Amino acid sequence: MEKAIIRDRETGEELTLTALREEYETLKKAGETEAGSFEDYLENITDGNGTCDWI
């Protein structure tokens, strides 16, 4: 079982890298993210303006 590594500040939900990668791919296909890579996406959601925290 994969350990949760990020917590969504809005919902309190703990997220895994696998779940986040799937979310990124969905958003990328829909054109709903400006992140050029998964790593950029992680940086965007965990920076000061993002909605998630590393745990």
C-alpha atoms as a PDB file:
ATOM      1  CA  MET A   1       0.000   0.000   0.000  1.00  0.00           C
ATOM      2  CA  GLU A   2       1.336   3.421  -0.980  1.00  0.00           C
ATOM      3  CA  LYS A   3       1.800   5.911   1.849  1.00  0.00           C
ATOM      4  CA  ALA A   4      -0.094   9.218   1.631  1.00  0.00           C
ATOM      5  CA  ILE A   5       2.289  12.098   1.106  1.00  0.00           C
ATOM      6  CA  ILE A   6       0.140  15.169   0.519  1.00  0.00           C
ATOM      7  CA  ARG A   7      -2.907  16.484   2.373  1.00  0.00           C
ATOM      8  CA  ASP A   8      -5.515  18.639   0.659  1.00  0.00           C
ATOM      9  CA  ARG A   9      -6.043  21.701   2.876  1.00  0.00           C
ATOM     10  CA  GLU A  10      -9.647  22.118   1.733  1.00  0.00           C
ATOM     11  CA  THR A  11     -10.883  18.558   2.267  1.00  0.00           C
ATOM     12  CA  GLY A  12      -8.310  17.091   4.664  1.00  0.00           C
ATOM     13  CA  GLU A  13      -7.959  14.147   2.257  1.00  0.00           C
ATOM     14  CA  GLU A  14      -4.555  12.458   2.160  1.00  0.00           C
ATOM     15  CA  LEU A  15      -3.307  11.823  -1.363  1.00  0.00           C
ATOM     16  CA  THR A  16      -0.717   9.454  -2.821  1.00  0.00           C
ATOM     17  CA  LEU A  17       1.632  10.079  -5.720  1.00  0.00           C
ATOM     18  CA  THR A  18      -0.369   7.602  -7.789  1.00  0.00           C
ATOM     19  CA  ALA A  19      -3.640   9.459  -7.189  1.00  0.00           C
ATOM     20  CA  LEU A  20      -1.984  12.800  -7.875  1.00  0.00           C
ATOM     21  CA  ARG A  21      -0.415  11.544 -11.106  1.00  0.00           C
ATOM     22  CA  GLU A  22      -3.818  10.286 -12.280  1.00  0.00           C
ATOM     23  CA  GLU A  23      -5.375  13.658 -11.419  1.00  0.00           C
ATOM     24  CA  TYR A  24      -2.605  15.478 -13.298  1.00  0.00           C
ATOM     25  CA  GLU A  25      -3.053  13.298 -16.403  1.00  0.00           C
ATOM     26  CA  THR A  26      -6.825  13.915 -16.366  1.00  0.00           C
ATOM     27  CA  LEU A  27      -6.350  17.674 -16.019  1.00  0.00           C
ATOM     28  CA  LYS A  28      -3.668  17.683 -18.720  1.00  0.00           C
ATOM     29  CA  LYS A  29      -5.884  15.835 -21.207  1.00  0.00           C
ATOM     30  CA  ALA A  30      -8.732  18.265 -20.489  1.00  0.00           C
ATOM     31  CA  GLY A  31      -6.414  21.274 -20.881  1.00  0.00           C
ATOM     32  CA  GLU A  32      -7.146  22.385 -17.318  1.00  0.00           C
ATOM     33  CA  THR A  33      -3.558  22.688 -16.060  1.00  0.00           C
ATOM     34  CA  GLU A  34      -0.698  24.874 -17.190  1.00  0.00           C
ATOM     35  CA  ALA A  35       1.889  22.598 -15.572  1.00  0.00           C
ATOM     36  CA  GLY A  36       4.284  21.239 -18.172  1.00  0.00           C
ATOM     37  CA  SER A  37       5.132  18.147 -16.155  1.00  0.00           C
ATOM     38  CA  PHE A  38       3.938  16.156 -13.157  1.00  0.00           C
ATOM     39  CA  GLU A  39       6.772  17.625 -11.100  1.00  0.00           C
ATOM     40  CA  ASP A  40       5.614  21.152 -11.996  1.00  0.00           C
ATOM     41  CA  TYR A  41       2.074  20.172 -11.008  1.00  0.00           C
ATOM     42  CA  LEU A  42       3.277  18.976  -7.583  1.00  0.00           C
ATOM     43  CA  GLU A  43       5.192  22.210  -7.083  1.00  0.00           C
ATOM     44  CA  ASN A  44       2.141  24.276  -8.039  1.00  0.00           C
ATOM     45  CA  ILE A  45      -0.276  22.540  -5.671  1.00  0.00           C
ATOM     46  CA  THR A  46       2.115  22.618  -2.709  1.00  0.00           C
ATOM     47  CA  ASP A  47       3.497  26.141  -2.965  1.00  0.00           C
ATOM     48  CA  GLY A  48       2.180  28.986  -0.805  1.00  0.00           C
ATOM     49  CA  ASN A  49      -0.759  29.579  -3.149  1.00  0.00           C
ATOM     50  CA  GLY A  50      -1.579  25.896  -3.611  1.00  0.00           C
ATOM     51  CA  THR A  51      -4.214  23.844  -1.847  1.00  0.00           C
ATOM     52  CA  CYS A  52      -2.045  20.987  -0.512  1.00  0.00           C
ATOM     53  CA  ASP A  53       0.710  20.377   2.036  1.00  0.00           C
ATOM     54  CA  TRP A  54       3.459  17.756   2.136  1.00  0.00           C
ATOM     55  CA  ILE A  55       3.029  15.464   5.157  1.00  0.00           C
END
